[in-house]
Amino acid sequence: MRTPDGYRFGLQFKDSSDAHHQVGEFLESLGNKKSEIVVTAMIEYIKAHPEVLNKDNPVKIIAAFGYSEETLRAEIEALLHKIASANAPSTDKNSVGTIPDCDTTAALDTLLNALDQFK
């Protein structure tokens, strides 16, 4: 909201979100110096996403927290390969917990490709 001496906004951060909680705590620690950091962050965001200034397009902000899709996929793939190699079928067909003739690579590919449905 525009006021005679500048702008004034009220923001609410969800306490159920770790990211919102972290940002809320940080801003709270700044006391009366919140404006400078918010302005700096917004200018950086606008530089990276100039399309948000186009008034003909609705603003769609997708906040990326934690891992990128590529990083998450690589982490999952590495973990699954580690688990698969630790549980690799033994040459003893009577061994408990083995799956004879299991194509681990194909199974991992199927699992990783199925992750696309969670986008």
PDB file of N, CA and C in Angstrom:
ATOM      1  N   MET A   1       0.836  -1.163   0.000  1.00  0.00           N
ATOM      2  CA  MET A   1       0.000   0.000   0.000  1.00  0.00           C
ATOM      3  C   MET A   1       0.892   1.240   0.000  1.00  0.00           C
ATOM      4  N   ARG A   2       0.565   2.157  -0.844  1.00  0.00           N
ATOM      5  CA  ARG A   2       1.353   3.392  -0.930  1.00  0.00           C
ATOM      6  C   ARG A   2       0.917   4.350   0.180  1.00  0.00           C
ATOM      7  N   THR A   3       1.899   4.908   0.844  1.00  0.00           N
ATOM      8  CA  THR A   3       1.639   5.896   1.898  1.00  0.00           C
ATOM      9  C   THR A   3       2.362   7.180   1.503  1.00  0.00           C
ATOM     10  N   PRO A   4       2.095   8.304   2.164  1.00  0.00           N
ATOM     11  CA  PRO A   4       2.766   9.559   1.815  1.00  0.00           C
ATOM     12  C   PRO A   4       4.293   9.489   1.922  1.00  0.00           C
ATOM     13  N   ASP A   5       4.801   8.626   2.797  1.00  0.00           N
ATOM     14  CA  ASP A   5       6.263   8.552   2.960  1.00  0.00           C
ATOM     15  C   ASP A   5       6.874   7.274   2.379  1.00  0.00           C
ATOM     16  N   GLY A   6       6.159   6.550   1.556  1.00  0.00           N
ATOM     17  CA  GLY A   6       6.718   5.339   0.930  1.00  0.00           C
ATOM     18  C   GLY A   6       5.664   4.266   0.740  1.00  0.00           C
ATOM     19  N   TYR A   7       6.021   3.043   1.044  1.00  0.00           N
ATOM     20  CA  TYR A   7       5.123   1.905   0.901  1.00  0.00           C
ATOM     21  C   TYR A   7       5.106   1.132   2.213  1.00  0.00           C
ATOM     22  N   ARG A   8       3.976   0.501   2.502  1.00  0.00           N
ATOM     23  CA  ARG A   8       3.856  -0.303   3.708  1.00  0.00           C
ATOM     24  C   ARG A   8       3.125  -1.594   3.339  1.00  0.00           C
ATOM     25  N   PHE A   9       3.723  -2.735   3.746  1.00  0.00           N
ATOM     26  CA  PHE A   9       3.141  -4.037   3.465  1.00  0.00           C
ATOM     27  C   PHE A   9       3.138  -4.877   4.732  1.00  0.00           C
ATOM     28  N   GLY A  10       2.168  -5.733   4.830  1.00  0.00           N
ATOM     29  CA  GLY A  10       2.138  -6.716   5.908  1.00  0.00           C
ATOM     30  C   GLY A  10       2.333  -8.085   5.284  1.00  0.00           C
ATOM     31  N   LEU A  11       3.233  -8.862   5.820  1.00  0.00           N
ATOM     32  CA  LEU A  11       3.500 -10.201   5.297  1.00  0.00           C
ATOM     33  C   LEU A  11       3.242 -11.229   6.386  1.00  0.00           C
ATOM     34  N   GLN A  12       2.715 -12.359   5.996  1.00  0.00           N
ATOM     35  CA  GLN A  12       2.528 -13.448   6.943  1.00  0.00           C
ATOM     36  C   GLN A  12       3.285 -14.651   6.425  1.00  0.00           C
ATOM     37  N   PHE A  13       4.041 -15.292   7.305  1.00  0.00           N
ATOM     38  CA  PHE A  13       4.823 -16.471   6.948  1.00  0.00           C
ATOM     39  C   PHE A  13       4.253 -17.671   7.681  1.00  0.00           C
ATOM     40  N   LYS A  14       4.003 -18.761   6.938  1.00  0.00           N
ATOM     41  CA  LYS A  14       3.456 -19.978   7.529  1.00  0.00           C
ATOM     42  C   LYS A  14       4.478 -20.593   8.476  1.00  0.00           C
ATOM     43  N   ASP A  15       4.052 -20.866   9.681  1.00  0.00           N
ATOM     44  CA  ASP A  15       4.962 -21.505  10.629  1.00  0.00           C
ATOM     45  C   ASP A  15       5.103 -22.988  10.309  1.00  0.00           C
ATOM     46  N   SER A  16       4.183 -23.536   9.506  1.00  0.00           N
ATOM     47  CA  SER A  16       4.254 -24.958   9.174  1.00  0.00           C
ATOM     48  C   SER A  16       5.290 -25.244   8.087  1.00  0.00           C
ATOM     49  N   SER A  17       5.779 -24.205   7.435  1.00  0.00           N
ATOM     50  CA  SER A  17       6.795 -24.370   6.401  1.00  0.00           C
ATOM     51  C   SER A  17       8.159 -24.017   6.990  1.00  0.00           C
ATOM     52  N   ASP A  18       9.112 -24.933   6.865  1.00  0.00           N
ATOM     53  CA  ASP A  18      10.462 -24.672   7.378  1.00  0.00           C
ATOM     54  C   ASP A  18      11.073 -23.446   6.707  1.00  0.00           C
ATOM     55  N   ALA A  19      10.865 -23.305   5.401  1.00  0.00           N
ATOM     56  CA  ALA A  19      11.432 -22.167   4.674  1.00  0.00           C
ATOM     57  C   ALA A  19      10.808 -20.864   5.171  1.00  0.00           C
ATOM     58  N   HIS A  20       9.486 -20.834   5.325  1.00  0.00           N
ATOM     59  CA  HIS A  20       8.812 -19.632   5.808  1.00  0.00           C
ATOM     60  C   HIS A  20       9.240 -19.321   7.237  1.00  0.00           C
ATOM     61  N   HIS A  21       9.366 -20.357   8.050  1.00  0.00           N
ATOM     62  CA  HIS A  21       9.789 -20.168   9.441  1.00  0.00           C
ATOM     63  C   HIS A  21      11.192 -19.572   9.490  1.00  0.00           C
ATOM     64  N   GLN A  22      12.093 -20.122   8.677  1.00  0.00           N
ATOM     65  CA  GLN A  22      13.477 -19.625   8.649  1.00  0.00           C
ATOM     66  C   GLN A  22      13.523 -18.166   8.212  1.00  0.00           C
ATOM     67  N   VAL A  23      12.799 -17.822   7.162  1.00  0.00           N
ATOM     68  CA  VAL A  23      12.790 -16.446   6.669  1.00  0.00           C
ATOM     69  C   VAL A  23      12.118 -15.521   7.682  1.00  0.00           C
ATOM     70  N   GLY A  24      11.024 -15.980   8.280  1.00  0.00           N
ATOM     71  CA  GLY A  24      10.343 -15.174   9.281  1.00  0.00           C
ATOM     72  C   GLY A  24      11.249 -14.862  10.463  1.00  0.00           C
ATOM     73  N   GLU A  25      11.973 -15.865  10.938  1.00  0.00           N
ATOM     74  CA  GLU A  25      12.897 -15.657  12.059  1.00  0.00           C
ATOM     75  C   GLU A  25      14.018 -14.689  11.679  1.00  0.00           C
ATOM     76  N   PHE A  26      14.530 -14.862  10.462  1.00  0.00           N
ATOM     77  CA  PHE A  26      15.609 -13.975  10.003  1.00  0.00           C
ATOM     78  C   PHE A  26      15.122 -12.530   9.921  1.00  0.00           C
ATOM     79  N   LEU A  27      13.964 -12.317   9.284  1.00  0.00           N
ATOM     80  CA  LEU A  27      13.439 -10.958   9.166  1.00  0.00           C
ATOM     81  C   LEU A  27      13.142 -10.363  10.540  1.00  0.00           C
ATOM     82  N   GLU A  28      12.636 -11.194  11.434  1.00  0.00           N
ATOM     83  CA  GLU A  28      12.350 -10.715  12.791  1.00  0.00           C
ATOM     84  C   GLU A  28      13.625 -10.235  13.477  1.00  0.00           C
ATOM     85  N   SER A  29      14.734 -10.926  13.198  1.00  0.00           N
ATOM     86  CA  SER A  29      16.005 -10.556  13.832  1.00  0.00           C
ATOM     87  C   SER A  29      16.552  -9.225  13.304  1.00  0.00           C
ATOM     88  N   LEU A  30      16.042  -8.775  12.160  1.00  0.00           N
ATOM     89  CA  LEU A  30      16.534  -7.528  11.566  1.00  0.00           C
ATOM     90  C   LEU A  30      15.918  -6.274  12.181  1.00  0.00           C
ATOM     91  N   GLY A  31      14.890  -6.458  12.979  1.00  0.00           N
ATOM     92  CA  GLY A  31      14.249  -5.281  13.590  1.00  0.00           C
ATOM     93  C   GLY A  31      13.691  -4.352  12.529  1.00  0.00           C
ATOM     94  N   ASN A  32      14.095  -3.085  12.569  1.00  0.00           N
ATOM     95  CA  ASN A  32      13.594  -2.088  11.620  1.00  0.00           C
ATOM     96  C   ASN A  32      14.416  -1.999  10.337  1.00  0.00           C
ATOM     97  N   LYS A  33      15.239  -2.987  10.067  1.00  0.00           N
ATOM     98  CA  LYS A  33      16.106  -2.975   8.875  1.00  0.00           C
ATOM     99  C   LYS A  33      15.649  -3.979   7.811  1.00  0.00           C
ATOM    100  N   LYS A  34      14.405  -4.403   7.882  1.00  0.00           N
ATOM    101  CA  LYS A  34      13.889  -5.420   6.955  1.00  0.00           C
ATOM    102  C   LYS A  34      13.823  -4.919   5.509  1.00  0.00           C
ATOM    103  N   SER A  35      13.492  -3.652   5.334  1.00  0.00           N
ATOM    104  CA  SER A  35      13.254  -3.117   3.990  1.00  0.00           C
ATOM    105  C   SER A  35      14.450  -3.289   3.068  1.00  0.00           C
ATOM    106  N   GLU A  36      15.634  -3.016   3.562  1.00  0.00           N
ATOM    107  CA  GLU A  36      16.824  -3.079   2.701  1.00  0.00           C
ATOM    108  C   GLU A  36      17.055  -4.488   2.159  1.00  0.00           C
ATOM    109  N   ILE A  37      16.906  -5.484   3.010  1.00  0.00           N
ATOM    110  CA  ILE A  37      17.147  -6.851   2.542  1.00  0.00           C
ATOM    111  C   ILE A  37      16.042  -7.306   1.592  1.00  0.00           C
ATOM    112  N   VAL A  38      14.798  -6.887   1.852  1.00  0.00           N
ATOM    113  CA  VAL A  38      13.694  -7.252   0.965  1.00  0.00           C
ATOM    114  C   VAL A  38      13.887  -6.588  -0.398  1.00  0.00           C
ATOM    115  N   VAL A  39      14.270  -5.327  -0.421  1.00  0.00           N
ATOM    116  CA  VAL A  39      14.510  -4.621  -1.685  1.00  0.00           C
ATOM    117  C   VAL A  39      15.638  -5.299  -2.463  1.00  0.00           C
ATOM    118  N   THR A  40      16.731  -5.618  -1.775  1.00  0.00           N
ATOM    119  CA  THR A  40      17.863  -6.280  -2.443  1.00  0.00           C
ATOM    120  C   THR A  40      17.442  -7.625  -3.021  1.00  0.00           C
ATOM    121  N   ALA A  41      16.713  -8.419  -2.237  1.00  0.00           N
ATOM    122  CA  ALA A  41      16.265  -9.733  -2.709  1.00  0.00           C
ATOM    123  C   ALA A  41      15.318  -9.603  -3.898  1.00  0.00           C
ATOM    124  N   MET A  42      14.397  -8.644  -3.844  1.00  0.00           N
ATOM    125  CA  MET A  42      13.443  -8.462  -4.940  1.00  0.00           C
ATOM    126  C   MET A  42      14.131  -7.990  -6.219  1.00  0.00           C
ATOM    127  N   ILE A  43      15.095  -7.088  -6.096  1.00  0.00           N
ATOM    128  CA  ILE A  43      15.825  -6.624  -7.285  1.00  0.00           C
ATOM    129  C   ILE A  43      16.567  -7.795  -7.923  1.00  0.00           C
ATOM    130  N   GLU A  44      17.198  -8.626  -7.112  1.00  0.00           N
ATOM    131  CA  GLU A  44      17.892  -9.805  -7.641  1.00  0.00           C
ATOM    132  C   GLU A  44      16.904 -10.748  -8.333  1.00  0.00           C
ATOM    133  N   TYR A  45      15.739 -10.944  -7.728  1.00  0.00           N
ATOM    134  CA  TYR A  45      14.724 -11.816  -8.323  1.00  0.00           C
ATOM    135  C   TYR A  45      14.236 -11.242  -9.654  1.00  0.00           C
ATOM    136  N   ILE A  46      13.978  -9.946  -9.687  1.00  0.00           N
ATOM    137  CA  ILE A  46      13.503  -9.302 -10.922  1.00  0.00           C
ATOM    138  C   ILE A  46      14.563  -9.383 -12.017  1.00  0.00           C
ATOM    139  N   LYS A  47      15.830  -9.226 -11.653  1.00  0.00           N
ATOM    140  CA  LYS A  47      16.903  -9.370 -12.650  1.00  0.00           C
ATOM    141  C   LYS A  47      16.923 -10.780 -13.229  1.00  0.00           C
ATOM    142  N   ALA A  48      16.706 -11.764 -12.379  1.00  0.00           N
ATOM    143  CA  ALA A  48      16.726 -13.156 -12.835  1.00  0.00           C
ATOM    144  C   ALA A  48      15.442 -13.540 -13.565  1.00  0.00           C
ATOM    145  N   HIS A  49      14.323 -12.859 -13.262  1.00  0.00           N
ATOM    146  CA  HIS A  49      13.025 -13.178 -13.854  1.00  0.00           C
ATOM    147  C   HIS A  49      12.307 -11.902 -14.304  1.00  0.00           C
ATOM    148  N   PRO A  50      12.830 -11.218 -15.323  1.00  0.00           N
ATOM    149  CA  PRO A  50      12.229  -9.943 -15.740  1.00  0.00           C
ATOM    150  C   PRO A  50      10.785 -10.087 -16.221  1.00  0.00           C
ATOM    151  N   GLU A  51      10.369 -11.282 -16.563  1.00  0.00           N
ATOM    152  CA  GLU A  51       8.997 -11.498 -17.035  1.00  0.00           C
ATOM    153  C   GLU A  51       7.956 -11.154 -15.970  1.00  0.00           C
ATOM    154  N   VAL A  52       8.331 -11.102 -14.700  1.00  0.00           N
ATOM    155  CA  VAL A  52       7.359 -10.770 -13.647  1.00  0.00           C
ATOM    156  C   VAL A  52       6.882  -9.325 -13.767  1.00  0.00           C
ATOM    157  N   LEU A  53       7.638  -8.488 -14.460  1.00  0.00           N
ATOM    158  CA  LEU A  53       7.236  -7.090 -14.627  1.00  0.00           C
ATOM    159  C   LEU A  53       6.223  -6.893 -15.749  1.00  0.00           C
ATOM    160  N   ASN A  54       6.012  -7.917 -16.575  1.00  0.00           N
ATOM    161  CA  ASN A  54       5.054  -7.839 -17.671  1.00  0.00           C
ATOM    162  C   ASN A  54       3.639  -7.945 -17.093  1.00  0.00           C
ATOM    163  N   LYS A  55       2.907  -6.843 -17.119  1.00  0.00           N
ATOM    164  CA  LYS A  55       1.581  -6.798 -16.505  1.00  0.00           C
ATOM    165  C   LYS A  55       0.539  -7.597 -17.283  1.00  0.00           C
ATOM    166  N   ASP A  56       0.854  -7.991 -18.530  1.00  0.00           N
ATOM    167  CA  ASP A  56      -0.087  -8.777 -19.324  1.00  0.00           C
ATOM    168  C   ASP A  56      -0.046 -10.263 -18.966  1.00  0.00           C
ATOM    169  N   ASN A  57       1.005 -10.679 -18.324  1.00  0.00           N
ATOM    170  CA  ASN A  57       1.134 -12.083 -17.925  1.00  0.00           C
ATOM    171  C   ASN A  57       0.908 -12.212 -16.423  1.00  0.00           C
ATOM    172  N   PRO A  58       0.136 -13.219 -16.016  1.00  0.00           N
ATOM    173  CA  PRO A  58      -0.032 -13.405 -14.574  1.00  0.00           C
ATOM    174  C   PRO A  58       1.300 -13.823 -13.945  1.00  0.00           C
ATOM    175  N   VAL A  59       1.544 -13.341 -12.756  1.00  0.00           N
ATOM    176  CA  VAL A  59       2.784 -13.676 -12.054  1.00  0.00           C
ATOM    177  C   VAL A  59       2.679 -15.102 -11.547  1.00  0.00           C
ATOM    178  N   LYS A  60       3.659 -15.901 -11.901  1.00  0.00           N
ATOM    179  CA  LYS A  60       3.711 -17.288 -11.440  1.00  0.00           C
ATOM    180  C   LYS A  60       5.090 -17.476 -10.819  1.00  0.00           C
ATOM    181  N   ILE A  61       5.132 -17.517  -9.514  1.00  0.00           N
ATOM    182  CA  ILE A  61       6.397 -17.666  -8.814  1.00  0.00           C
ATOM    183  C   ILE A  61       6.487 -19.087  -8.297  1.00  0.00           C
ATOM    184  N   ILE A  62       7.518 -19.772  -8.732  1.00  0.00           N
ATOM    185  CA  ILE A  62       7.764 -21.130  -8.277  1.00  0.00           C
ATOM    186  C   ILE A  62       9.003 -21.079  -7.407  1.00  0.00           C
ATOM    187  N   ALA A  63       8.790 -21.286  -6.145  1.00  0.00           N
ATOM    188  CA  ALA A  63       9.906 -21.243  -5.203  1.00  0.00           C
ATOM    189  C   ALA A  63      10.601 -22.598  -5.197  1.00  0.00           C
ATOM    190  N   ALA A  64      11.881 -22.560  -5.424  1.00  0.00           N
ATOM    191  CA  ALA A  64      12.669 -23.787  -5.405  1.00  0.00           C
ATOM    192  C   ALA A  64      13.392 -23.882  -4.077  1.00  0.00           C
ATOM    193  N   PHE A  65      12.990 -24.829  -3.276  1.00  0.00           N
ATOM    194  CA  PHE A  65      13.618 -25.044  -1.990  1.00  0.00           C
ATOM    195  C   PHE A  65      14.323 -26.382  -2.015  1.00  0.00           C
ATOM    196  N   GLY A  66      15.448 -26.446  -1.377  1.00  0.00           N
ATOM    197  CA  GLY A  66      16.151 -27.716  -1.276  1.00  0.00           C
ATOM    198  C   GLY A  66      16.827 -28.077  -2.569  1.00  0.00           C
ATOM    199  N   TYR A  67      16.581 -29.280  -3.032  1.00  0.00           N
ATOM    200  CA  TYR A  67      17.243 -29.819  -4.209  1.00  0.00           C
ATOM    201  C   TYR A  67      16.532 -29.438  -5.494  1.00  0.00           C
ATOM    202  N   SER A  68      17.303 -29.248  -6.563  1.00  0.00           N
ATOM    203  CA  SER A  68      16.705 -29.110  -7.887  1.00  0.00           C
ATOM    204  C   SER A  68      16.274 -30.502  -8.330  1.00  0.00           C
ATOM    205  N   GLU A  69      15.450 -30.553  -9.356  1.00  0.00           N
ATOM    206  CA  GLU A  69      14.987 -31.860  -9.847  1.00  0.00           C
ATOM    207  C   GLU A  69      16.175 -32.721 -10.272  1.00  0.00           C
ATOM    208  N   GLU A  70      17.147 -32.108 -10.955  1.00  0.00           N
ATOM    209  CA  GLU A  70      18.302 -32.862 -11.428  1.00  0.00           C
ATOM    210  C   GLU A  70      19.131 -33.401 -10.257  1.00  0.00           C
ATOM    211  N   THR A  71      19.341 -32.566  -9.244  1.00  0.00           N
ATOM    212  CA  THR A  71      20.115 -32.985  -8.085  1.00  0.00           C
ATOM    213  C   THR A  71      19.392 -34.081  -7.327  1.00  0.00           C
ATOM    214  N   LEU A  72      18.085 -33.912  -7.133  1.00  0.00           N
ATOM    215  CA  LEU A  72      17.305 -34.921  -6.424  1.00  0.00           C
ATOM    216  C   LEU A  72      17.329 -36.244  -7.175  1.00  0.00           C
ATOM    217  N   ARG A  73      17.159 -36.189  -8.486  1.00  0.00           N
ATOM    218  CA  ARG A  73      17.181 -37.411  -9.297  1.00  0.00           C
ATOM    219  C   ARG A  73      18.538 -38.104  -9.174  1.00  0.00           C
ATOM    220  N   ALA A  74      19.624 -37.334  -9.231  1.00  0.00           N
ATOM    221  CA  ALA A  74      20.970 -37.909  -9.113  1.00  0.00           C
ATOM    222  C   ALA A  74      21.187 -38.528  -7.739  1.00  0.00           C
ATOM    223  N   GLU A  75      20.703 -37.846  -6.693  1.00  0.00           N
ATOM    224  CA  GLU A  75      20.831 -38.378  -5.337  1.00  0.00           C
ATOM    225  C   GLU A  75      20.057 -39.684  -5.186  1.00  0.00           C
ATOM    226  N   ILE A  76      18.828 -39.723  -5.699  1.00  0.00           N
ATOM    227  CA  ILE A  76      18.017 -40.939  -5.620  1.00  0.00           C
ATOM    228  C   ILE A  76      18.660 -42.061  -6.409  1.00  0.00           C
ATOM    229  N   GLU A  77      19.141 -41.742  -7.605  1.00  0.00           N
ATOM    230  CA  GLU A  77      19.779 -42.759  -8.434  1.00  0.00           C
ATOM    231  C   GLU A  77      21.018 -43.324  -7.745  1.00  0.00           C
ATOM    232  N   ALA A  78      21.841 -42.461  -7.154  1.00  0.00           N
ATOM    233  CA  ALA A  78      23.041 -42.929  -6.458  1.00  0.00           C
ATOM    234  C   ALA A  78      22.671 -43.818  -5.277  1.00  0.00           C
ATOM    235  N   LEU A  79      21.656 -43.417  -4.526  1.00  0.00           N
ATOM    236  CA  LEU A  79      21.219 -44.209  -3.380  1.00  0.00           C
ATOM    237  C   LEU A  79      20.671 -45.561  -3.819  1.00  0.00           C
ATOM    238  N   LEU A  80      19.872 -45.552  -4.874  1.00  0.00           N
ATOM    239  CA  LEU A  80      19.315 -46.821  -5.366  1.00  0.00           C
ATOM    240  C   LEU A  80      20.397 -47.751  -5.898  1.00  0.00           C
ATOM    241  N   HIS A  81      21.399 -47.197  -6.572  1.00  0.00           N
ATOM    242  CA  HIS A  81      22.509 -48.017  -7.047  1.00  0.00           C
ATOM    243  C   HIS A  81      23.274 -48.610  -5.870  1.00  0.00           C
ATOM    244  N   LYS A  82      23.453 -47.818  -4.821  1.00  0.00           N
ATOM    245  CA  LYS A  82      24.143 -48.294  -3.626  1.00  0.00           C
ATOM    246  C   LYS A  82      23.361 -49.439  -2.983  1.00  0.00           C
ATOM    247  N   ILE A  83      22.040 -49.242  -2.858  1.00  0.00           N
ATOM    248  CA  ILE A  83      21.196 -50.289  -2.272  1.00  0.00           C
ATOM    249  C   ILE A  83      21.193 -51.532  -3.148  1.00  0.00           C
ATOM    250  N   ALA A  84      21.086 -51.332  -4.456  1.00  0.00           N
ATOM    251  CA  ALA A  84      21.044 -52.472  -5.378  1.00  0.00           C
ATOM    252  C   ALA A  84      22.344 -53.257  -5.342  1.00  0.00           C
ATOM    253  N   SER A  85      23.474 -52.574  -5.273  1.00  0.00           N
ATOM    254  CA  SER A  85      24.744 -53.298  -5.250  1.00  0.00           C
ATOM    255  C   SER A  85      24.953 -54.001  -3.912  1.00  0.00           C
ATOM    256  N   ALA A  86      24.429 -53.419  -2.837  1.00  0.00           N
ATOM    257  CA  ALA A  86      24.541 -54.068  -1.531  1.00  0.00           C
ATOM    258  C   ALA A  86      23.647 -55.299  -1.454  1.00  0.00           C
ATOM    259  N   ASN A  87      22.552 -55.277  -2.184  1.00  0.00           N
ATOM    260  CA  ASN A  87      21.607 -56.393  -2.176  1.00  0.00           C
ATOM    261  C   ASN A  87      21.670 -57.206  -3.459  1.00  0.00           C
ATOM    262  N   ALA A  88      22.783 -57.128  -4.146  1.00  0.00           N
ATOM    263  CA  ALA A  88      22.922 -57.852  -5.412  1.00  0.00           C
ATOM    264  C   ALA A  88      22.731 -59.345  -5.169  1.00  0.00           C
ATOM    265  N   PRO A  89      22.060 -60.012  -6.094  1.00  0.00           N
ATOM    266  CA  PRO A  89      21.845 -61.455  -5.927  1.00  0.00           C
ATOM    267  C   PRO A  89      23.177 -62.194  -5.812  1.00  0.00           C
ATOM    268  N   SER A  90      23.222 -63.099  -4.863  1.00  0.00           N
ATOM    269  CA  SER A  90      24.437 -63.897  -4.707  1.00  0.00           C
ATOM    270  C   SER A  90      24.397 -65.041  -5.703  1.00  0.00           C
ATOM    271  N   THR A  91      25.515 -65.715  -5.843  1.00  0.00           N
ATOM    272  CA  THR A  91      25.568 -66.849  -6.758  1.00  0.00           C
ATOM    273  C   THR A  91      24.912 -68.070  -6.142  1.00  0.00           C
ATOM    274  N   ASP A  92      24.651 -68.017  -4.832  1.00  0.00           N
ATOM    275  CA  ASP A  92      24.003 -69.119  -4.132  1.00  0.00           C
ATOM    276  C   ASP A  92      22.495 -68.983  -4.308  1.00  0.00           C
ATOM    277  N   LYS A  93      21.878 -69.846  -5.086  1.00  0.00           N
ATOM    278  CA  LYS A  93      20.444 -69.766  -5.381  1.00  0.00           C
ATOM    279  C   LYS A  93      19.594 -70.041  -4.147  1.00  0.00           C
ATOM    280  N   ASN A  94      20.172 -70.629  -3.097  1.00  0.00           N
ATOM    281  CA  ASN A  94      19.428 -70.921  -1.884  1.00  0.00           C
ATOM    282  C   ASN A  94      19.539 -69.794  -0.866  1.00  0.00           C
ATOM    283  N   SER A  95      20.223 -68.724  -1.219  1.00  0.00           N
ATOM    284  CA  SER A  95      20.421 -67.612  -0.305  1.00  0.00           C
ATOM    285  C   SER A  95      19.109 -66.864  -0.108  1.00  0.00           C
ATOM    286  N   VAL A  96      18.804 -66.521   1.144  1.00  0.00           N
ATOM    287  CA  VAL A  96      17.572 -65.811   1.466  1.00  0.00           C
ATOM    288  C   VAL A  96      17.682 -64.354   1.015  1.00  0.00           C
ATOM    289  N   GLY A  97      16.598 -63.828   0.431  1.00  0.00           N
ATOM    290  CA  GLY A  97      16.560 -62.413   0.074  1.00  0.00           C
ATOM    291  C   GLY A  97      17.129 -62.101  -1.296  1.00  0.00           C
ATOM    292  N   THR A  98      17.515 -63.075  -2.067  1.00  0.00           N
ATOM    293  CA  THR A  98      18.057 -62.788  -3.395  1.00  0.00           C
ATOM    294  C   THR A  98      16.951 -62.904  -4.432  1.00  0.00           C
ATOM    295  N   ILE A  99      17.135 -62.197  -5.495  1.00  0.00           N
ATOM    296  CA  ILE A  99      16.190 -62.251  -6.606  1.00  0.00           C
ATOM    297  C   ILE A  99      16.976 -62.695  -7.831  1.00  0.00           C
ATOM    298  N   PRO A 100      16.887 -63.948  -8.182  1.00  0.00           N
ATOM    299  CA  PRO A 100      17.655 -64.427  -9.326  1.00  0.00           C
ATOM    300  C   PRO A 100      17.190 -63.771 -10.623  1.00  0.00           C
ATOM    301  N   ASP A 101      18.151 -63.541 -11.497  1.00  0.00           N
ATOM    302  CA  ASP A 101      17.884 -62.995 -12.829  1.00  0.00           C
ATOM    303  C   ASP A 101      17.164 -61.640 -12.783  1.00  0.00           C
ATOM    304  N   CYS A 102      17.443 -60.802 -11.804  1.00  0.00           N
ATOM    305  CA  CYS A 102      16.838 -59.473 -11.688  1.00  0.00           C
ATOM    306  C   CYS A 102      17.689 -58.474 -12.469  1.00  0.00           C
ATOM    307  N   ASP A 103      17.086 -57.760 -13.401  1.00  0.00           N
ATOM    308  CA  ASP A 103      17.795 -56.737 -14.154  1.00  0.00           C
ATOM    309  C   ASP A 103      17.723 -55.436 -13.355  1.00  0.00           C
ATOM    310  N   THR A 104      18.738 -55.205 -12.518  1.00  0.00           N
ATOM    311  CA  THR A 104      18.759 -54.062 -11.611  1.00  0.00           C
ATOM    312  C   THR A 104      18.714 -52.744 -12.367  1.00  0.00           C
ATOM    313  N   THR A 105      19.463 -52.631 -13.443  1.00  0.00           N
ATOM    314  CA  THR A 105      19.500 -51.384 -14.208  1.00  0.00           C
ATOM    315  C   THR A 105      18.130 -51.051 -14.764  1.00  0.00           C
ATOM    316  N   ALA A 106      17.452 -52.029 -15.320  1.00  0.00           N
ATOM    317  CA  ALA A 106      16.112 -51.795 -15.873  1.00  0.00           C
ATOM    318  C   ALA A 106      15.133 -51.415 -14.770  1.00  0.00           C
ATOM    319  N   ALA A 107      15.246 -52.054 -13.626  1.00  0.00           N
ATOM    320  CA  ALA A 107      14.357 -51.741 -12.504  1.00  0.00           C
ATOM    321  C   ALA A 107      14.592 -50.317 -12.017  1.00  0.00           C
ATOM    322  N   LEU A 108      15.859 -49.916 -11.935  1.00  0.00           N
ATOM    323  CA  LEU A 108      16.179 -48.548 -11.503  1.00  0.00           C
ATOM    324  C   LEU A 108      15.677 -47.533 -12.518  1.00  0.00           C
ATOM    325  N   ASP A 109      15.845 -47.827 -13.805  1.00  0.00           N
ATOM    326  CA  ASP A 109      15.360 -46.914 -14.838  1.00  0.00           C
ATOM    327  C   ASP A 109      13.846 -46.748 -14.747  1.00  0.00           C
ATOM    328  N   THR A 110      13.139 -47.843 -14.531  1.00  0.00           N
ATOM    329  CA  THR A 110      11.680 -47.789 -14.399  1.00  0.00           C
ATOM    330  C   THR A 110      11.283 -46.937 -13.206  1.00  0.00           C
ATOM    331  N   LEU A 111      11.956 -47.132 -12.084  1.00  0.00           N
ATOM    332  CA  LEU A 111      11.663 -46.357 -10.884  1.00  0.00           C
ATOM    333  C   LEU A 111      11.950 -44.871 -11.096  1.00  0.00           C
ATOM    334  N   LEU A 112      13.108 -44.563 -11.655  1.00  0.00           N
ATOM    335  CA  LEU A 112      13.473 -43.155 -11.868  1.00  0.00           C
ATOM    336  C   LEU A 112      12.536 -42.481 -12.860  1.00  0.00           C
ATOM    337  N   ASN A 113      12.134 -43.196 -13.899  1.00  0.00           N
ATOM    338  CA  ASN A 113      11.205 -42.622 -14.878  1.00  0.00           C
ATOM    339  C   ASN A 113       9.830 -42.392 -14.250  1.00  0.00           C
ATOM    340  N   ALA A 114       9.459 -43.232 -13.294  1.00  0.00           N
ATOM    341  CA  ALA A 114       8.172 -43.070 -12.611  1.00  0.00           C
ATOM    342  C   ALA A 114       8.149 -41.814 -11.750  1.00  0.00           C
ATOM    343  N   LEU A 115       9.311 -41.293 -11.368  1.00  0.00           N
ATOM    344  CA  LEU A 115       9.366 -40.076 -10.563  1.00  0.00           C
ATOM    345  C   LEU A 115       8.801 -38.880 -11.311  1.00  0.00           C
ATOM    346  N   ASP A 116       8.757 -38.955 -12.644  1.00  0.00           N
ATOM    347  CA  ASP A 116       8.239 -37.841 -13.442  1.00  0.00           C
ATOM    348  C   ASP A 116       6.787 -37.522 -13.106  1.00  0.00           C
ATOM    349  N   GLN A 117       6.035 -38.499 -12.615  1.00  0.00           N
ATOM    350  CA  GLN A 117       4.635 -38.248 -12.290  1.00  0.00           C
ATOM    351  C   GLN A 117       4.457 -37.336 -11.088  1.00  0.00           C
ATOM    352  N   PHE A 118       5.542 -37.100 -10.323  1.00  0.00           N
ATOM    353  CA  PHE A 118       5.458 -36.265  -9.142  1.00  0.00           C
ATOM    354  C   PHE A 118       5.826 -34.808  -9.426  1.00  0.00           C
ATOM    355  N   LYS A 119       5.991 -34.439 -10.671  1.00  0.00           N
ATOM    356  CA  LYS A 119       6.340 -33.054 -11.019  1.00  0.00           C
ATOM    357  C   LYS A 119       5.192 -32.136 -10.738  1.00  0.00           C
TER     358      LYS A 119
END
